Amino acid sequence: PSQRYSGDDKLARLKHKDWLAPNEVLKIFENVKDPSFLLPAYQHYSKRKDYQPTESLYALLINKFGQAKMFDEIEEVMRTVNLEKRCRFSEEFFYNLMKIYGNLAGRINRAIEILFGMPDFGCWPSAK
């Protein structure tokens, strides 16, 4: 069955055959009003030939899910991030994630796990 993004015509661009540059993809996801469309849309995008994972896209998804308090969806994105070999992640990416878990979710232990997991991504925390 084809995935419908009811009411979000911006996401329809993901269905077109046109090649999408990473900044165009970011614009599409930035304009999504209903965060429940984000994960199915991302999964669709990840199957495209022009799929290019970027820290910016992952950060945007995580921030939108954080604002909507959709923490299970953040975990789903993080499972993808864990498997992602084509993308480098900055210290800021992880600090933002820790803030979401610590401040918005009240999951201090998860924030600490992220801190200790940073080296697995080739990212070493500085003394911030």
N, C-alpha and C. Protein backbone atom coordinates (compact mmCIF):
# COMPACT_ATOMS: atom_id res chain seq x y z
N PRO A 1 0.83 -1.20 0.00
CA PRO A 1 0.00 0.00 0.00
C PRO A 1 0.87 1.25 0.00
N SER A 2 0.47 2.21 -0.79
CA SER A 2 1.29 3.42 -0.86
C SER A 2 1.07 4.28 0.37
N GLN A 3 2.14 4.85 0.85
CA GLN A 3 2.10 5.69 2.06
C GLN A 3 1.45 7.02 1.71
N ARG A 4 0.46 7.43 2.48
CA ARG A 4 -0.20 8.72 2.26
C ARG A 4 0.27 9.68 3.34
N TYR A 5 0.60 10.88 2.93
CA TYR A 5 0.97 11.91 3.88
C TYR A 5 -0.15 12.94 3.86
N SER A 6 -1.31 12.54 4.35
CA SER A 6 -2.51 13.37 4.24
C SER A 6 -2.25 14.78 4.76
N GLY A 7 -2.60 15.73 3.93
CA GLY A 7 -2.49 17.11 4.34
C GLY A 7 -1.09 17.69 4.28
N ASP A 8 -0.10 16.89 3.99
CA ASP A 8 1.26 17.43 3.93
C ASP A 8 1.81 17.29 2.52
N ASP A 9 1.41 18.23 1.63
CA ASP A 9 1.83 18.14 0.23
C ASP A 9 3.33 18.34 0.07
N LYS A 10 3.97 18.97 1.04
CA LYS A 10 5.43 19.15 0.97
C LYS A 10 6.11 17.78 0.87
N LEU A 11 5.58 16.81 1.61
CA LEU A 11 6.19 15.48 1.61
C LEU A 11 5.99 14.76 0.28
N ALA A 12 5.03 15.20 -0.50
CA ALA A 12 4.79 14.57 -1.80
C ALA A 12 6.04 14.65 -2.68
N ARG A 13 6.87 15.67 -2.46
CA ARG A 13 8.11 15.80 -3.25
C ARG A 13 9.01 14.59 -3.07
N LEU A 14 8.91 13.91 -1.93
CA LEU A 14 9.73 12.72 -1.71
C LEU A 14 9.32 11.59 -2.65
N LYS A 15 8.11 11.66 -3.18
CA LYS A 15 7.60 10.62 -4.08
C LYS A 15 8.04 10.86 -5.53
N HIS A 16 8.41 12.10 -5.85
CA HIS A 16 8.81 12.42 -7.22
C HIS A 16 10.15 11.77 -7.55
N LYS A 17 10.37 11.59 -8.82
CA LYS A 17 11.63 10.98 -9.27
C LYS A 17 12.77 11.99 -9.29
N ASP A 18 12.43 13.28 -9.20
CA ASP A 18 13.46 14.32 -9.25
C ASP A 18 14.51 14.09 -8.18
N TRP A 19 15.75 14.37 -8.55
CA TRP A 19 16.86 14.27 -7.62
C TRP A 19 16.73 15.37 -6.58
N LEU A 20 16.90 15.05 -5.32
CA LEU A 20 16.79 16.05 -4.26
C LEU A 20 18.15 16.25 -3.60
N ALA A 21 18.59 17.49 -3.54
CA ALA A 21 19.83 17.82 -2.83
C ALA A 21 19.54 17.80 -1.33
N PRO A 22 20.58 17.55 -0.50
CA PRO A 22 20.36 17.50 0.96
C PRO A 22 19.66 18.74 1.52
N ASN A 23 19.96 19.93 0.99
CA ASN A 23 19.30 21.13 1.52
C ASN A 23 17.82 21.17 1.14
N GLU A 24 17.46 20.60 -0.02
CA GLU A 24 16.04 20.51 -0.40
C GLU A 24 15.31 19.54 0.52
N VAL A 25 15.96 18.44 0.84
CA VAL A 25 15.36 17.46 1.75
C VAL A 25 15.12 18.10 3.11
N LEU A 26 16.10 18.85 3.60
CA LEU A 26 15.93 19.55 4.89
C LEU A 26 14.72 20.47 4.85
N LYS A 27 14.56 21.23 3.76
CA LYS A 27 13.41 22.14 3.64
C LYS A 27 12.10 21.38 3.70
N ILE A 28 12.05 20.24 3.01
CA ILE A 28 10.83 19.43 3.02
C ILE A 28 10.49 19.03 4.45
N PHE A 29 11.47 18.50 5.18
CA PHE A 29 11.22 18.03 6.54
C PHE A 29 10.96 19.19 7.51
N GLU A 30 11.61 20.34 7.28
CA GLU A 30 11.38 21.51 8.14
C GLU A 30 9.94 21.97 8.08
N ASN A 31 9.33 21.84 6.91
CA ASN A 31 7.97 22.36 6.71
C ASN A 31 6.87 21.41 7.16
N VAL A 32 7.22 20.23 7.63
CA VAL A 32 6.21 19.29 8.10
C VAL A 32 5.64 19.79 9.42
N LYS A 33 4.32 19.94 9.45
CA LYS A 33 3.67 20.45 10.66
C LYS A 33 3.36 19.31 11.65
N ASP A 34 2.93 18.17 11.13
CA ASP A 34 2.54 17.05 11.99
C ASP A 34 3.72 16.08 12.12
N PRO A 35 4.35 16.02 13.30
CA PRO A 35 5.54 15.17 13.45
C PRO A 35 5.28 13.68 13.26
N SER A 36 4.03 13.25 13.31
CA SER A 36 3.77 11.82 13.11
C SER A 36 4.04 11.39 11.66
N PHE A 37 4.15 12.36 10.73
CA PHE A 37 4.49 12.03 9.34
C PHE A 37 5.99 11.87 9.14
N LEU A 38 6.79 12.33 10.09
CA LEU A 38 8.24 12.42 9.87
C LEU A 38 8.91 11.06 9.70
N LEU A 39 8.61 10.11 10.58
CA LEU A 39 9.30 8.82 10.51
C LEU A 39 8.96 8.06 9.23
N PRO A 40 7.66 7.93 8.88
CA PRO A 40 7.37 7.25 7.60
C PRO A 40 8.00 7.97 6.41
N ALA A 41 8.01 9.30 6.45
CA ALA A 41 8.61 10.06 5.34
C ALA A 41 10.12 9.83 5.29
N TYR A 42 10.77 9.81 6.45
CA TYR A 42 12.21 9.54 6.49
C TYR A 42 12.50 8.14 5.95
N GLN A 43 11.69 7.16 6.38
CA GLN A 43 11.91 5.78 5.92
C GLN A 43 11.75 5.70 4.40
N HIS A 44 10.79 6.44 3.87
CA HIS A 44 10.62 6.48 2.41
C HIS A 44 11.84 7.12 1.75
N TYR A 45 12.27 8.26 2.29
CA TYR A 45 13.44 8.96 1.74
C TYR A 45 14.69 8.08 1.77
N SER A 46 14.85 7.30 2.84
CA SER A 46 16.07 6.49 2.99
C SER A 46 16.16 5.38 1.94
N LYS A 47 15.07 5.09 1.25
CA LYS A 47 15.09 4.07 0.20
C LYS A 47 15.35 4.67 -1.19
N ARG A 48 15.40 5.99 -1.27
CA ARG A 48 15.63 6.64 -2.57
C ARG A 48 17.09 6.50 -2.99
N LYS A 49 17.31 6.53 -4.30
CA LYS A 49 18.68 6.45 -4.83
C LYS A 49 19.52 7.66 -4.43
N ASP A 50 18.85 8.82 -4.26
CA ASP A 50 19.59 10.04 -3.92
C ASP A 50 19.69 10.26 -2.40
N TYR A 51 19.38 9.23 -1.62
CA TYR A 51 19.44 9.34 -0.16
C TYR A 51 20.85 9.70 0.29
N GLN A 52 20.95 10.77 1.06
CA GLN A 52 22.23 11.18 1.64
C GLN A 52 21.99 11.52 3.11
N PRO A 53 22.39 10.64 4.01
CA PRO A 53 22.18 10.95 5.42
C PRO A 53 23.08 12.11 5.84
N THR A 54 22.52 13.04 6.59
CA THR A 54 23.31 14.16 7.10
C THR A 54 22.99 14.38 8.57
N GLU A 55 23.97 14.90 9.27
CA GLU A 55 23.75 15.25 10.67
C GLU A 55 22.59 16.24 10.79
N SER A 56 22.51 17.18 9.85
CA SER A 56 21.45 18.20 9.88
C SER A 56 20.06 17.57 9.83
N LEU A 57 19.89 16.57 8.98
CA LEU A 57 18.59 15.91 8.87
C LEU A 57 18.27 15.16 10.16
N TYR A 58 19.23 14.40 10.67
CA TYR A 58 18.99 13.68 11.92
C TYR A 58 18.68 14.65 13.06
N ALA A 59 19.42 15.75 13.14
CA ALA A 59 19.19 16.74 14.20
C ALA A 59 17.79 17.35 14.06
N LEU A 60 17.38 17.64 12.83
CA LEU A 60 16.06 18.21 12.61
C LEU A 60 14.97 17.24 13.08
N LEU A 61 15.09 15.97 12.70
CA LEU A 61 14.11 14.97 13.12
C LEU A 61 14.06 14.87 14.65
N ILE A 62 15.23 14.78 15.26
CA ILE A 62 15.30 14.64 16.72
C ILE A 62 14.71 15.86 17.41
N ASN A 63 15.00 17.06 16.91
CA ASN A 63 14.44 18.27 17.51
C ASN A 63 12.92 18.33 17.38
N LYS A 64 12.41 17.98 16.21
CA LYS A 64 10.95 18.00 16.02
C LYS A 64 10.28 16.97 16.92
N PHE A 65 10.88 15.78 17.03
CA PHE A 65 10.31 14.77 17.91
C PHE A 65 10.42 15.20 19.37
N GLY A 66 11.53 15.84 19.73
CA GLY A 66 11.70 16.33 21.10
C GLY A 66 10.66 17.36 21.46
N GLN A 67 10.41 18.32 20.56
CA GLN A 67 9.39 19.35 20.81
C GLN A 67 8.01 18.73 20.98
N ALA A 68 7.75 17.64 20.25
CA ALA A 68 6.45 16.97 20.32
C ALA A 68 6.42 15.92 21.44
N LYS A 69 7.52 15.80 22.18
CA LYS A 69 7.65 14.80 23.25
C LYS A 69 7.42 13.37 22.73
N MET A 70 7.91 13.12 21.52
CA MET A 70 7.80 11.80 20.88
C MET A 70 9.15 11.09 21.04
N PHE A 71 9.40 10.64 22.27
CA PHE A 71 10.73 10.11 22.60
C PHE A 71 10.98 8.72 22.01
N ASP A 72 9.93 7.93 21.81
CA ASP A 72 10.11 6.63 21.16
C ASP A 72 10.62 6.82 19.73
N GLU A 73 10.12 7.86 19.07
CA GLU A 73 10.56 8.15 17.70
C GLU A 73 12.02 8.59 17.69
N ILE A 74 12.44 9.31 18.74
CA ILE A 74 13.86 9.68 18.84
C ILE A 74 14.71 8.42 18.94
N GLU A 75 14.25 7.46 19.74
CA GLU A 75 14.99 6.19 19.88
C GLU A 75 15.08 5.48 18.53
N GLU A 76 14.00 5.54 17.76
CA GLU A 76 13.99 4.92 16.43
C GLU A 76 15.04 5.59 15.52
N VAL A 77 15.09 6.92 15.56
CA VAL A 77 16.09 7.65 14.77
C VAL A 77 17.49 7.27 15.25
N MET A 78 17.68 7.15 16.55
CA MET A 78 19.00 6.80 17.09
C MET A 78 19.42 5.40 16.69
N ARG A 79 18.46 4.48 16.54
CA ARG A 79 18.82 3.14 16.04
C ARG A 79 19.40 3.26 14.63
N THR A 80 18.82 4.13 13.82
CA THR A 80 19.34 4.37 12.47
C THR A 80 20.71 5.02 12.54
N VAL A 81 20.85 6.02 13.41
CA VAL A 81 22.13 6.72 13.57
C VAL A 81 23.22 5.72 13.97
N ASN A 82 22.89 4.77 14.84
CA ASN A 82 23.87 3.76 15.27
C ASN A 82 24.38 2.93 14.11
N LEU A 83 23.54 2.71 13.12
CA LEU A 83 23.93 1.89 11.97
C LEU A 83 24.56 2.71 10.85
N GLU A 84 24.47 4.02 10.97
CA GLU A 84 24.91 4.91 9.89
C GLU A 84 26.43 5.00 9.84
N LYS A 85 26.99 4.60 8.72
CA LYS A 85 28.45 4.65 8.58
C LYS A 85 28.89 5.79 7.66
N ARG A 86 27.92 6.39 6.94
CA ARG A 86 28.28 7.40 5.94
C ARG A 86 28.18 8.82 6.47
N CYS A 87 27.99 8.98 7.75
CA CYS A 87 27.72 10.31 8.28
C CYS A 87 28.54 10.52 9.55
N ARG A 88 29.17 11.68 9.66
CA ARG A 88 29.93 12.04 10.88
C ARG A 88 29.02 12.87 11.77
N PHE A 89 29.17 12.71 13.06
CA PHE A 89 28.35 13.45 14.01
C PHE A 89 29.23 14.29 14.92
N SER A 90 28.79 15.53 15.15
CA SER A 90 29.57 16.47 15.95
C SER A 90 29.21 16.35 17.42
N GLU A 91 30.05 16.97 18.22
CA GLU A 91 29.80 17.06 19.65
C GLU A 91 28.46 17.76 19.90
N GLU A 92 28.18 18.82 19.13
CA GLU A 92 26.93 19.58 19.30
C GLU A 92 25.71 18.69 19.10
N PHE A 93 25.78 17.76 18.14
CA PHE A 93 24.67 16.84 17.89
C PHE A 93 24.34 16.07 19.16
N PHE A 94 25.39 15.54 19.80
CA PHE A 94 25.17 14.74 21.01
C PHE A 94 24.76 15.60 22.20
N TYR A 95 25.31 16.81 22.32
CA TYR A 95 24.91 17.69 23.42
C TYR A 95 23.44 18.06 23.30
N ASN A 96 23.00 18.32 22.07
CA ASN A 96 21.59 18.63 21.84
C ASN A 96 20.72 17.44 22.25
N LEU A 97 21.13 16.25 21.86
CA LEU A 97 20.40 15.03 22.20
C LEU A 97 20.34 14.84 23.72
N MET A 98 21.46 15.08 24.39
CA MET A 98 21.49 14.95 25.86
C MET A 98 20.56 15.96 26.51
N LYS A 99 20.50 17.18 25.96
CA LYS A 99 19.59 18.21 26.51
C LYS A 99 18.14 17.77 26.37
N ILE A 100 17.81 17.20 25.21
CA ILE A 100 16.43 16.74 25.00
C ILE A 100 16.09 15.66 26.02
N TYR A 101 16.99 14.68 26.18
CA TYR A 101 16.70 13.61 27.14
C TYR A 101 16.71 14.12 28.58
N GLY A 102 17.67 14.97 28.91
CA GLY A 102 17.77 15.45 30.29
C GLY A 102 16.68 16.44 30.65
N ASN A 103 16.42 17.42 29.77
CA ASN A 103 15.48 18.50 30.10
C ASN A 103 14.04 18.18 29.72
N LEU A 104 13.82 17.75 28.48
CA LEU A 104 12.45 17.54 28.01
C LEU A 104 11.88 16.20 28.48
N ALA A 105 12.70 15.16 28.42
CA ALA A 105 12.19 13.82 28.75
C ALA A 105 12.39 13.47 30.22
N GLY A 106 13.27 14.18 30.90
CA GLY A 106 13.56 13.82 32.28
C GLY A 106 14.24 12.46 32.40
N ARG A 107 14.93 12.06 31.34
CA ARG A 107 15.62 10.76 31.32
C ARG A 107 17.12 10.99 31.45
N ILE A 108 17.53 11.30 32.66
CA ILE A 108 18.94 11.63 32.93
C ILE A 108 19.85 10.44 32.58
N ASN A 109 19.42 9.24 32.93
CA ASN A 109 20.25 8.06 32.66
C ASN A 109 20.50 7.88 31.16
N ARG A 110 19.48 8.18 30.35
CA ARG A 110 19.64 8.05 28.89
C ARG A 110 20.63 9.11 28.39
N ALA A 111 20.56 10.32 28.96
CA ALA A 111 21.50 11.38 28.58
C ALA A 111 22.93 10.95 28.90
N ILE A 112 23.12 10.30 30.05
CA ILE A 112 24.46 9.83 30.45
C ILE A 112 24.93 8.72 29.50
N GLU A 113 24.01 7.81 29.13
CA GLU A 113 24.36 6.75 28.17
C GLU A 113 24.85 7.36 26.85
N ILE A 114 24.20 8.43 26.43
CA ILE A 114 24.60 9.08 25.18
C ILE A 114 25.99 9.68 25.32
N LEU A 115 26.25 10.31 26.45
CA LEU A 115 27.57 10.88 26.71
C LEU A 115 28.64 9.80 26.60
N PHE A 116 28.42 8.67 27.27
CA PHE A 116 29.42 7.60 27.25
C PHE A 116 29.47 6.86 25.91
N GLY A 117 28.41 6.99 25.10
CA GLY A 117 28.39 6.34 23.79
C GLY A 117 29.01 7.16 22.67
N MET A 118 29.32 8.42 22.95
CA MET A 118 29.88 9.30 21.90
C MET A 118 31.12 8.72 21.22
N PRO A 119 32.07 8.13 21.96
CA PRO A 119 33.27 7.58 21.29
C PRO A 119 32.94 6.49 20.25
N ASP A 120 31.80 5.80 20.42
CA ASP A 120 31.40 4.80 19.43
C ASP A 120 31.16 5.44 18.06
N PHE A 121 30.94 6.74 18.05
CA PHE A 121 30.70 7.48 16.81
C PHE A 121 31.94 8.26 16.39
N GLY A 122 33.07 7.99 17.05
CA GLY A 122 34.30 8.71 16.73
C GLY A 122 34.26 10.15 17.22
N CYS A 123 33.44 10.41 18.22
CA CYS A 123 33.29 11.76 18.75
C CYS A 123 33.63 11.72 20.23
N TRP A 124 34.61 12.51 20.63
CA TRP A 124 35.06 12.51 22.02
C TRP A 124 34.57 13.76 22.71
N PRO A 125 33.85 13.60 23.83
CA PRO A 125 33.33 14.79 24.52
C PRO A 125 34.46 15.65 25.08
N SER A 126 34.30 16.95 24.92
CA SER A 126 35.27 17.87 25.53
C SER A 126 34.73 18.24 26.91
N ALA A 127 35.48 19.05 27.62
CA ALA A 127 35.09 19.38 29.00
C ALA A 127 34.11 20.54 29.04
N LYS A 128 32.98 20.40 28.37
CA LYS A 128 31.96 21.48 28.34
C LYS A 128 31.15 21.46 29.61
